[in-house]
C-alpha atoms as a PDB file:
ATOM      1  CA  MET A   1      13.234  24.071  -1.398  1.00  0.00           C
ATOM      2  CA  THR A   2      13.157  20.303  -0.418  1.00  0.00           C
ATOM      3  CA  GLU A   3      16.294  19.067   1.710  1.00  0.00           C
ATOM      4  CA  THR A   4      18.357  16.157   0.002  1.00  0.00           C
ATOM      5  CA  PRO A   5      17.494  13.093   1.895  1.00  0.00           C
ATOM      6  CA  VAL A   6      19.729  11.660   3.506  1.00  0.00           C
ATOM      7  CA  CYS A   7      19.215   7.802   2.654  1.00  0.00           C
ATOM      8  CA  ARG A   8      20.218   6.687  -0.937  1.00  0.00           C
ATOM      9  CA  ARG A   9      19.466   3.248  -0.323  1.00  0.00           C
ATOM     10  CA  LEU A  10      17.576   2.423  -3.792  1.00  0.00           C
ATOM     11  CA  VAL A  11      19.891   3.509  -6.233  1.00  0.00           C
ATOM     12  CA  GLY A  12      19.663   1.248  -9.505  1.00  0.00           C
ATOM     13  CA  ARG A  13      16.446  -0.499  -7.955  1.00  0.00           C
ATOM     14  CA  THR A  14      13.301  -0.354 -10.184  1.00  0.00           C
ATOM     15  CA  ALA A  15       9.329   0.225  -7.970  1.00  0.00           C
ATOM     16  CA  VAL A  16       6.236  -0.425  -8.774  1.00  0.00           C
ATOM     17  CA  VAL A  17       3.807   1.670  -7.134  1.00  0.00           C
ATOM     18  CA  THR A  18       0.071   1.101  -7.346  1.00  0.00           C
ATOM     19  CA  GLY A  19      -2.402   4.198  -6.661  1.00  0.00           C
ATOM     20  CA  ALA A  20       0.330   5.893  -6.930  1.00  0.00           C
ATOM     21  CA  GLY A  21      -1.665   9.371  -8.285  1.00  0.00           C
ATOM     22  CA  SER A  22      -2.346  10.656  -4.392  1.00  0.00           C
ATOM     23  CA  GLY A  23      -1.921   9.546  -0.614  1.00  0.00           C
ATOM     24  CA  ILE A  24       0.057   7.291   0.282  1.00  0.00           C
ATOM     25  CA  GLY A  25       1.119   5.863  -3.234  1.00  0.00           C
ATOM     26  CA  LEU A  26       1.929   9.423  -4.163  1.00  0.00           C
ATOM     27  CA  ALA A  27       4.332  10.468  -1.209  1.00  0.00           C
ATOM     28  CA  THR A  28       5.878   6.791  -1.560  1.00  0.00           C
ATOM     29  CA  ALA A  29       6.493   7.519  -4.964  1.00  0.00           C
ATOM     30  CA  ARG A  30       8.407  10.626  -4.077  1.00  0.00           C
ATOM     31  CA  ARG A  31      10.001   8.755  -1.324  1.00  0.00           C
ATOM     32  CA  LEU A  32      11.733   5.828  -3.460  1.00  0.00           C
ATOM     33  CA  ALA A  33      12.599   7.735  -5.913  1.00  0.00           C
ATOM     34  CA  SER A  34      14.337  10.627  -3.895  1.00  0.00           C
ATOM     35  CA  GLU A  35      15.910   7.136  -2.545  1.00  0.00           C
ATOM     36  CA  GLY A  36      17.503   6.727  -5.797  1.00  0.00           C
ATOM     37  CA  ALA A  37      14.800   4.218  -7.399  1.00  0.00           C
ATOM     38  CA  ARG A  38      13.310   4.150 -10.926  1.00  0.00           C
ATOM     39  CA  VAL A  39       9.076   4.391 -10.009  1.00  0.00           C
ATOM     40  CA  VAL A  40       6.972   3.442 -12.699  1.00  0.00           C
ATOM     41  CA  CYS A  41       4.052   5.313 -11.201  1.00  0.00           C
ATOM     42  CA  ALA A  42       0.797   2.879 -12.286  1.00  0.00           C
ATOM     43  CA  ASP A  43      -2.761   4.656 -11.839  1.00  0.00           C
ATOM     44  CA  ILE A  44      -6.131   4.319 -13.148  1.00  0.00           C
ATOM     45  CA  ASP A  45      -6.555   8.116 -13.169  1.00  0.00           C
ATOM     46  CA  GLU A  46      -3.888   9.113 -16.208  1.00  0.00           C
ATOM     47  CA  ARG A  47      -4.209  13.068 -14.789  1.00  0.00           C
ATOM     48  CA  ALA A  48      -2.753  12.126 -11.133  1.00  0.00           C
ATOM     49  CA  GLY A  49      -1.015   9.294 -12.765  1.00  0.00           C
ATOM     50  CA  LYS A  50       1.304  11.556 -14.825  1.00  0.00           C
ATOM     51  CA  ALA A  51       2.004  14.266 -12.831  1.00  0.00           C
ATOM     52  CA  ALA A  52       3.022  11.809 -10.191  1.00  0.00           C
ATOM     53  CA  ALA A  53       5.520   9.955 -12.665  1.00  0.00           C
ATOM     54  CA  GLU A  54       6.709  13.289 -13.886  1.00  0.00           C
ATOM     55  CA  GLU A  55       7.014  15.064 -10.433  1.00  0.00           C
ATOM     56  CA  VAL A  56       9.567  12.075 -10.331  1.00  0.00           C
ATOM     57  CA  GLY A  57      10.662  11.726 -13.139  1.00  0.00           C
ATOM     58  CA  GLY A  58       9.533   8.434 -13.783  1.00  0.00           C
ATOM     59  CA  LEU A  59       7.219   6.608 -15.612  1.00  0.00           C
ATOM     60  CA  PHE A  60       3.442   6.606 -15.272  1.00  0.00           C
ATOM     61  CA  VAL A  61       1.495   3.507 -16.885  1.00  0.00           C
ATOM     62  CA  ARG A  62      -2.309   3.562 -17.130  1.00  0.00           C
ATOM     63  CA  VAL A  63      -3.885   0.183 -15.182  1.00  0.00           C
ATOM     64  CA  ASP A  64      -6.991  -1.035 -14.147  1.00  0.00           C
ATOM     65  CA  VAL A  65      -5.910  -3.503 -10.969  1.00  0.00           C
ATOM     66  CA  THR A  66      -8.882  -5.861 -11.060  1.00  0.00           C
ATOM     67  CA  ASP A  67      -7.820  -6.648 -14.775  1.00  0.00           C
ATOM     68  CA  PRO A  68      -5.414  -9.423 -14.874  1.00  0.00           C
ATOM     69  CA  GLU A  69      -4.066  -8.685 -18.439  1.00  0.00           C
ATOM     70  CA  GLU A  70      -3.355  -4.907 -17.570  1.00  0.00           C
ATOM     71  CA  VAL A  71      -1.595  -5.554 -14.405  1.00  0.00           C
ATOM     72  CA  GLU A  72       0.697  -8.056 -16.092  1.00  0.00           C
ATOM     73  CA  ALA A  73       1.319  -5.238 -18.662  1.00  0.00           C
ATOM     74  CA  LEU A  74       1.928  -3.226 -15.800  1.00  0.00           C
ATOM     75  CA  PHE A  75       5.324  -4.968 -14.661  1.00  0.00           C
ATOM     76  CA  LYS A  76       6.682  -6.557 -18.383  1.00  0.00           C
ATOM     77  CA  THR A  77       6.345  -2.315 -19.033  1.00  0.00           C
ATOM     78  CA  ALA A  78       8.942  -1.886 -15.577  1.00  0.00           C
ATOM     79  CA  PHE A  79      10.560  -4.920 -16.700  1.00  0.00           C
ATOM     80  CA  ASP A  80      11.158  -4.054 -20.314  1.00  0.00           C
ATOM     81  CA  THR A  81      12.322  -0.460 -19.298  1.00  0.00           C
ATOM     82  CA  TYR A  82      14.491  -0.336 -16.509  1.00  0.00           C
ATOM     83  CA  GLY A  83      15.511  -4.353 -16.267  1.00  0.00           C
ATOM     84  CA  SER A  84      14.578  -5.722 -13.205  1.00  0.00           C
ATOM     85  CA  VAL A  85      11.638  -5.282 -10.936  1.00  0.00           C
ATOM     86  CA  ASP A  86      12.794  -5.206  -7.733  1.00  0.00           C
ATOM     87  CA  ILE A  87      10.577  -3.568  -5.383  1.00  0.00           C
ATOM     88  CA  ALA A  88       6.244  -3.953  -5.979  1.00  0.00           C
ATOM     89  CA  PHE A  89       4.270  -1.570  -3.630  1.00  0.00           C
ATOM     90  CA  ASN A  90       0.975  -3.099  -3.953  1.00  0.00           C
ATOM     91  CA  ASN A  91      -0.986   0.111  -2.750  1.00  0.00           C
ATOM     92  CA  ALA A  92      -4.498   0.484  -4.854  1.00  0.00           C
ATOM     93  CA  GLY A  93      -7.064   0.209  -2.597  1.00  0.00           C
ATOM     94  CA  ILE A  94     -10.843   1.741  -2.357  1.00  0.00           C
ATOM     95  CA  SER A  95     -13.168   2.281   0.859  1.00  0.00           C
ATOM     96  CA  PRO A  96     -16.123   3.903  -0.651  1.00  0.00           C
ATOM     97  CA  PRO A  97     -19.118   5.184   1.658  1.00  0.00           C
ATOM     98  CA  ASP A  98     -21.359   2.193   0.971  1.00  0.00           C
ATOM     99  CA  ASP A  99     -19.039  -0.580   2.493  1.00  0.00           C
ATOM    100  CA  ASP A 100     -20.623   0.119   6.151  1.00  0.00           C
ATOM    101  CA  SER A 101     -22.285  -2.107   8.555  1.00  0.00           C
ATOM    102  CA  ILE A 102     -23.011  -5.832   7.246  1.00  0.00           C
ATOM    103  CA  LEU A 103     -26.290  -4.843   8.127  1.00  0.00           C
ATOM    104  CA  THR A 104     -26.366  -2.290   5.493  1.00  0.00           C
ATOM    105  CA  THR A 105     -23.612  -3.523   3.054  1.00  0.00           C
ATOM    106  CA  GLY A 106     -25.285  -4.869  -0.337  1.00  0.00           C
ATOM    107  CA  LEU A 107     -23.638  -7.783  -2.128  1.00  0.00           C
ATOM    108  CA  ASP A 108     -22.131  -5.516  -4.828  1.00  0.00           C
ATOM    109  CA  ALA A 109     -20.738  -2.950  -2.628  1.00  0.00           C
ATOM    110  CA  TRP A 110     -18.787  -5.766  -0.642  1.00  0.00           C
ATOM    111  CA  LYS A 111     -17.503  -7.503  -4.377  1.00  0.00           C
ATOM    112  CA  ARG A 112     -16.397  -4.717  -5.674  1.00  0.00           C
ATOM    113  CA  VAL A 113     -13.725  -3.830  -2.600  1.00  0.00           C
ATOM    114  CA  GLN A 114     -12.901  -7.112  -2.555  1.00  0.00           C
ATOM    115  CA  GLU A 115     -12.167  -6.534  -6.114  1.00  0.00           C
ATOM    116  CA  VAL A 116      -9.884  -3.971  -6.482  1.00  0.00           C
ATOM    117  CA  ASN A 117      -8.645  -4.101  -1.891  1.00  0.00           C
ATOM    118  CA  LEU A 118      -7.826  -8.044  -2.394  1.00  0.00           C
ATOM    119  CA  THR A 119      -7.842  -9.493  -6.035  1.00  0.00           C
ATOM    120  CA  SER A 120      -5.875  -6.232  -7.376  1.00  0.00           C
ATOM    121  CA  VAL A 121      -2.853  -7.621  -4.457  1.00  0.00           C
ATOM    122  CA  TYR A 122      -2.959 -11.394  -5.732  1.00  0.00           C
ATOM    123  CA  LEU A 123      -2.392 -10.041  -9.299  1.00  0.00           C
ATOM    124  CA  CYS A 124       0.406  -7.815  -8.730  1.00  0.00           C
ATOM    125  CA  CYS A 125       2.232 -10.517  -6.546  1.00  0.00           C
ATOM    126  CA  LYS A 126       1.065 -12.908  -9.378  1.00  0.00           C
ATOM    127  CA  ALA A 127       2.992 -11.048 -12.053  1.00  0.00           C
ATOM    128  CA  ALA A 128       5.707  -9.377  -9.960  1.00  0.00           C
ATOM    129  CA  LEU A 129       7.115 -12.887  -8.870  1.00  0.00           C
ATOM    130  CA  PRO A 130       8.083 -14.188 -12.088  1.00  0.00           C
ATOM    131  CA  TYR A 131      10.640 -11.346 -12.298  1.00  0.00           C
ATOM    132  CA  MET A 132      11.681 -11.195  -8.850  1.00  0.00           C
ATOM    133  CA  ARG A 133      12.610 -15.723  -8.765  1.00  0.00           C
ATOM    134  CA  GLN A 134      14.165 -14.050 -11.734  1.00  0.00           C
ATOM    135  CA  GLN A 135      16.413 -11.814 -10.453  1.00  0.00           C
ATOM    136  CA  GLY A 136      17.064 -13.968  -7.004  1.00  0.00           C
ATOM    137  CA  ARG A 137      15.809 -10.930  -5.390  1.00  0.00           C
ATOM    138  CA  GLY A 138      12.701  -8.415  -4.332  1.00  0.00           C
ATOM    139  CA  SER A 139      10.295  -7.134  -1.693  1.00  0.00           C
ATOM    140  CA  ILE A 140       6.951  -6.914  -2.115  1.00  0.00           C
ATOM    141  CA  ILE A 141       4.882  -4.837  -0.103  1.00  0.00           C
ATOM    142  CA  ASN A 142       0.882  -4.787   0.400  1.00  0.00           C
ATOM    143  CA  THR A 143      -0.776  -2.240   1.943  1.00  0.00           C
ATOM    144  CA  ALA A 144      -3.324  -3.824   4.562  1.00  0.00           C
ATOM    145  CA  SER A 145      -4.456  -1.363   7.552  1.00  0.00           C
ATOM    146  CA  PHE A 146      -4.494  -1.782  11.205  1.00  0.00           C
ATOM    147  CA  VAL A 147      -8.075  -2.793  10.961  1.00  0.00           C
ATOM    148  CA  ALA A 148      -6.754  -5.947  10.226  1.00  0.00           C
ATOM    149  CA  VAL A 149      -6.162  -6.568  13.483  1.00  0.00           C
ATOM    150  CA  MET A 150      -8.555  -5.199  15.394  1.00  0.00           C
ATOM    151  CA  GLY A 151     -11.973  -4.809  14.898  1.00  0.00           C
ATOM    152  CA  ALA A 152     -14.599  -1.630  14.425  1.00  0.00           C
ATOM    153  CA  ALA A 153     -17.603  -0.737  15.894  1.00  0.00           C
ATOM    154  CA  THR A 154     -17.691   1.461  13.236  1.00  0.00           C
ATOM    155  CA  SER A 155     -17.671  -1.305  10.681  1.00  0.00           C
ATOM    156  CA  GLN A 156     -16.699  -1.366   7.225  1.00  0.00           C
ATOM    157  CA  ILE A 157     -17.695  -4.982   6.255  1.00  0.00           C
ATOM    158  CA  SER A 158     -15.657  -5.686   3.546  1.00  0.00           C
ATOM    159  CA  TYR A 159     -13.012  -3.303   3.964  1.00  0.00           C
ATOM    160  CA  THR A 160     -11.509  -4.899   6.875  1.00  0.00           C
ATOM    161  CA  ALA A 161     -12.009  -7.838   5.413  1.00  0.00           C
ATOM    162  CA  SER A 162      -9.920  -7.272   2.643  1.00  0.00           C
ATOM    163  CA  LYS A 163      -7.199  -6.414   4.161  1.00  0.00           C
ATOM    164  CA  GLY A 164      -7.353  -9.390   6.478  1.00  0.00           C
ATOM    165  CA  GLY A 165      -6.679 -11.226   3.615  1.00  0.00           C
ATOM    166  CA  VAL A 166      -3.602  -8.767   2.111  1.00  0.00           C
ATOM    167  CA  LEU A 167      -2.020  -9.795   5.760  1.00  0.00           C
ATOM    168  CA  ALA A 168      -2.921 -13.592   5.613  1.00  0.00           C
ATOM    169  CA  MET A 169      -1.735 -13.249   1.571  1.00  0.00           C
ATOM    170  CA  SER A 170       1.573 -11.515   2.666  1.00  0.00           C
ATOM    171  CA  ARG A 171       3.149 -13.820   5.614  1.00  0.00           C
ATOM    172  CA  GLU A 172       2.096 -17.080   3.108  1.00  0.00           C
ATOM    173  CA  LEU A 173       4.557 -15.538  -0.214  1.00  0.00           C
ATOM    174  CA  GLY A 174       6.465 -14.258   2.568  1.00  0.00           C
ATOM    175  CA  VAL A 175       6.959 -17.335   3.656  1.00  0.00           C
ATOM    176  CA  GLN A 176       6.673 -19.562   0.513  1.00  0.00           C
ATOM    177  CA  PHE A 177       9.344 -17.811  -1.629  1.00  0.00           C
ATOM    178  CA  ALA A 178      11.872 -17.009   1.678  1.00  0.00           C
ATOM    179  CA  ARG A 179      14.401 -19.024   0.193  1.00  0.00           C
ATOM    180  CA  GLU A 180      13.934 -17.501  -3.228  1.00  0.00           C
ATOM    181  CA  GLY A 181      15.501 -13.974  -1.726  1.00  0.00           C
ATOM    182  CA  ILE A 182      11.971 -12.277  -2.109  1.00  0.00           C
ATOM    183  CA  ARG A 183      10.399 -10.686   0.936  1.00  0.00           C
ATOM    184  CA  VAL A 184       6.698 -10.039   1.264  1.00  0.00           C
ATOM    185  CA  ASN A 185       4.892  -7.846   4.058  1.00  0.00           C
ATOM    186  CA  ALA A 186       2.187  -6.570   4.660  1.00  0.00           C
ATOM    187  CA  LEU A 187       2.141  -3.395   6.096  1.00  0.00           C
ATOM    188  CA  CYS A 188      -0.690  -2.131   8.458  1.00  0.00           C
ATOM    189  CA  PRO A 189      -1.492   1.637   8.249  1.00  0.00           C
ATOM    190  CA  GLY A 190      -3.545   3.286  11.661  1.00  0.00           C
ATOM    191  CA  PRO A 191      -5.927   5.941   9.717  1.00  0.00           C
ATOM    192  CA  VAL A 192      -3.972   8.031   7.433  1.00  0.00           C
ATOM    193  CA  ASN A 193      -4.526  12.098   6.928  1.00  0.00           C
ATOM    194  CA  THR A 194      -4.935  11.103   3.056  1.00  0.00           C
ATOM    195  CA  PRO A 195      -8.181  12.259   0.249  1.00  0.00           C
ATOM    196  CA  LEU A 196      -9.907   8.967   0.762  1.00  0.00           C
ATOM    197  CA  LEU A 197      -9.977   8.928   4.581  1.00  0.00           C
ATOM    198  CA  LYS A 198     -11.051  13.131   4.370  1.00  0.00           C
ATOM    199  CA  GLU A 199     -13.866  12.045   2.073  1.00  0.00           C
ATOM    200  CA  LEU A 200     -15.095   9.480   4.665  1.00  0.00           C
ATOM    201  CA  PHE A 201     -15.203  11.341   7.359  1.00  0.00           C
ATOM    202  CA  ALA A 202     -16.150  14.639   6.331  1.00  0.00           C
ATOM    203  CA  LYS A 203     -19.665  12.481   5.936  1.00  0.00           C
ATOM    204  CA  ASP A 204     -19.581  11.239   9.579  1.00  0.00           C
ATOM    205  CA  PRO A 205     -17.484  13.747  11.427  1.00  0.00           C
ATOM    206  CA  GLU A 206     -19.173  11.728  14.844  1.00  0.00           C
ATOM    207  CA  ARG A 207     -17.390   8.597  13.405  1.00  0.00           C
ATOM    208  CA  ALA A 208     -13.950  10.502  12.790  1.00  0.00           C
ATOM    209  CA  GLN A 209     -14.174  10.954  16.380  1.00  0.00           C
ATOM    210  CA  ARG A 210     -15.267   8.195  17.650  1.00  0.00           C
ATOM    211  CA  ARG A 211     -11.814   6.976  15.905  1.00  0.00           C
ATOM    212  CA  LEU A 212      -9.427   9.921  16.486  1.00  0.00           C
ATOM    213  CA  VAL A 213     -10.136   9.402  20.299  1.00  0.00           C
ATOM    214  CA  HIS A 214      -8.289   5.779  20.215  1.00  0.00           C
ATOM    215  CA  VAL A 215      -4.994   7.540  18.798  1.00  0.00           C
ATOM    216  CA  PRO A 216      -2.352   7.146  21.221  1.00  0.00           C
ATOM    217  CA  VAL A 217      -0.605   9.918  20.012  1.00  0.00           C
ATOM    218  CA  GLY A 218      -3.576  11.877  19.328  1.00  0.00           C
ATOM    219  CA  ARG A 219      -3.778  12.217  15.300  1.00  0.00           C
ATOM    220  CA  PHE A 220      -3.796  10.986  11.755  1.00  0.00           C
ATOM    221  CA  ALA A 221      -0.620   9.331  10.191  1.00  0.00           C
ATOM    222  CA  GLU A 222       0.494  11.478   7.637  1.00  0.00           C
ATOM    223  CA  PRO A 223       1.210  10.130   3.774  1.00  0.00           C
ATOM    224  CA  GLU A 224       4.504  10.954   3.839  1.00  0.00           C
ATOM    225  CA  GLU A 225       5.225   8.727   7.495  1.00  0.00           C
ATOM    226  CA  ILE A 226       3.784   5.814   5.918  1.00  0.00           C
ATOM    227  CA  ALA A 227       5.952   6.279   3.105  1.00  0.00           C
ATOM    228  CA  SER A 228       8.917   6.606   5.281  1.00  0.00           C
ATOM    229  CA  ALA A 229       7.972   2.603   6.340  1.00  0.00           C
ATOM    230  CA  VAL A 230       7.831   1.455   2.804  1.00  0.00           C
ATOM    231  CA  ALA A 231      11.208   2.842   2.237  1.00  0.00           C
ATOM    232  CA  PHE A 232      12.324   0.729   5.054  1.00  0.00           C
ATOM    233  CA  LEU A 233      11.035  -2.286   3.560  1.00  0.00           C
ATOM    234  CA  ALA A 234      11.813  -2.083   0.445  1.00  0.00           C
ATOM    235  CA  SER A 235      15.497  -1.516   1.457  1.00  0.00           C
ATOM    236  CA  ASP A 236      18.337  -3.564   2.368  1.00  0.00           C
ATOM    237  CA  ASP A 237      18.049  -2.677   5.743  1.00  0.00           C
ATOM    238  CA  ALA A 238      14.723  -4.570   6.246  1.00  0.00           C
ATOM    239  CA  SER A 239      16.760  -8.116   4.740  1.00  0.00           C
ATOM    240  CA  PHE A 240      15.404  -9.491   7.586  1.00  0.00           C
ATOM    241  CA  VAL A 241      12.068  -8.374   7.933  1.00  0.00           C
ATOM    242  CA  ASN A 242       9.687 -11.223   5.912  1.00  0.00           C
ATOM    243  CA  ALA A 243       5.892 -11.917   6.103  1.00  0.00           C
ATOM    244  CA  ALA A 244       5.887  -9.338   9.621  1.00  0.00           C
ATOM    245  CA  GLU A 245       2.356  -7.482   9.719  1.00  0.00           C
ATOM    246  CA  PHE A 246       4.790  -4.191  10.309  1.00  0.00           C
ATOM    247  CA  LEU A 247       2.218  -1.574  12.145  1.00  0.00           C
ATOM    248  CA  VAL A 248       2.584   1.879  11.689  1.00  0.00           C
ATOM    249  CA  ASP A 249      -0.481   2.855  13.241  1.00  0.00           C
ATOM    250  CA  GLY A 250       1.084   5.399  16.170  1.00  0.00           C
ATOM    251  CA  GLY A 251       0.076   2.600  18.925  1.00  0.00           C
ATOM    252  CA  ILE A 252      -3.394   1.943  18.402  1.00  0.00           C
ATOM    253  CA  ALA A 253      -2.874  -1.955  17.818  1.00  0.00           C
ATOM    254  CA  GLY A 254      -1.591  -1.592  21.841  1.00  0.00           C
ATOM    255  CA  ALA A 255      -3.321   0.471  23.468  1.00  0.00           C
ATOM    256  CA  TYR A 256      -6.055   0.180  26.156  1.00  0.00           C
ATOM    257  CA  VAL A 257      -6.487   3.313  27.631  1.00  0.00           C
ATOM    258  CA  THR A 258      -5.460   6.408  25.789  1.00  0.00           C
ATOM    259  CA  PRO A 259      -3.347   9.007  27.253  1.00  0.00           C
ATOM    260  CA  LEU A 260      -5.604  12.245  28.193  1.00  0.00           C
END
């Protein structure tokens, strides 16, 4: 039996979540629904996306987040179905193994990661903003990463660059649309215990250990912990949080030496 959530901050609001089929996206779909939101679960994986939507009592929309027409259709469907677009959690992303050091990462891998991780966020923001401007309110949360503010010798060059782009774009949008009642924030998670991370580190345990040693709390985050931060940013509790670099990283970015 799951506990009834204490918070019901999102009753009557419509949330669009990309990458809702797994990891942070799935945990966030669950959390937003538990707080009363009507959740549109967007994913390219039909099986996972449909299962997520069914679980949270929401709507599934299959979408390739790199396709402008499909992204526009996603937000139109959300608005046509529920009458508003209040929250956009632009979260879909990839971290493929062929994105590595700049010395070995090919141009195709670079472009593919940029398209999914950065261009998709541009497209989702561009599609969501007209509805939010019309309403005079809205919260956009874009998934960046702690690597947007730190450098790593175990590089994933295109991933890192894409997340830096998400951070800069979110800041600018937050400033541009602030007086229209729209907040835009960049969520910067530390390493999260998701299928994406597990797959990456299963291939290279040494790389995983080199990263884990830098986390002051001594572990990676759980998806639910990141979802809690999204729910906060989506809610009126974060009414004065805008254009922010919202780190949820267990202290990594603040650490010089970690505890023994």
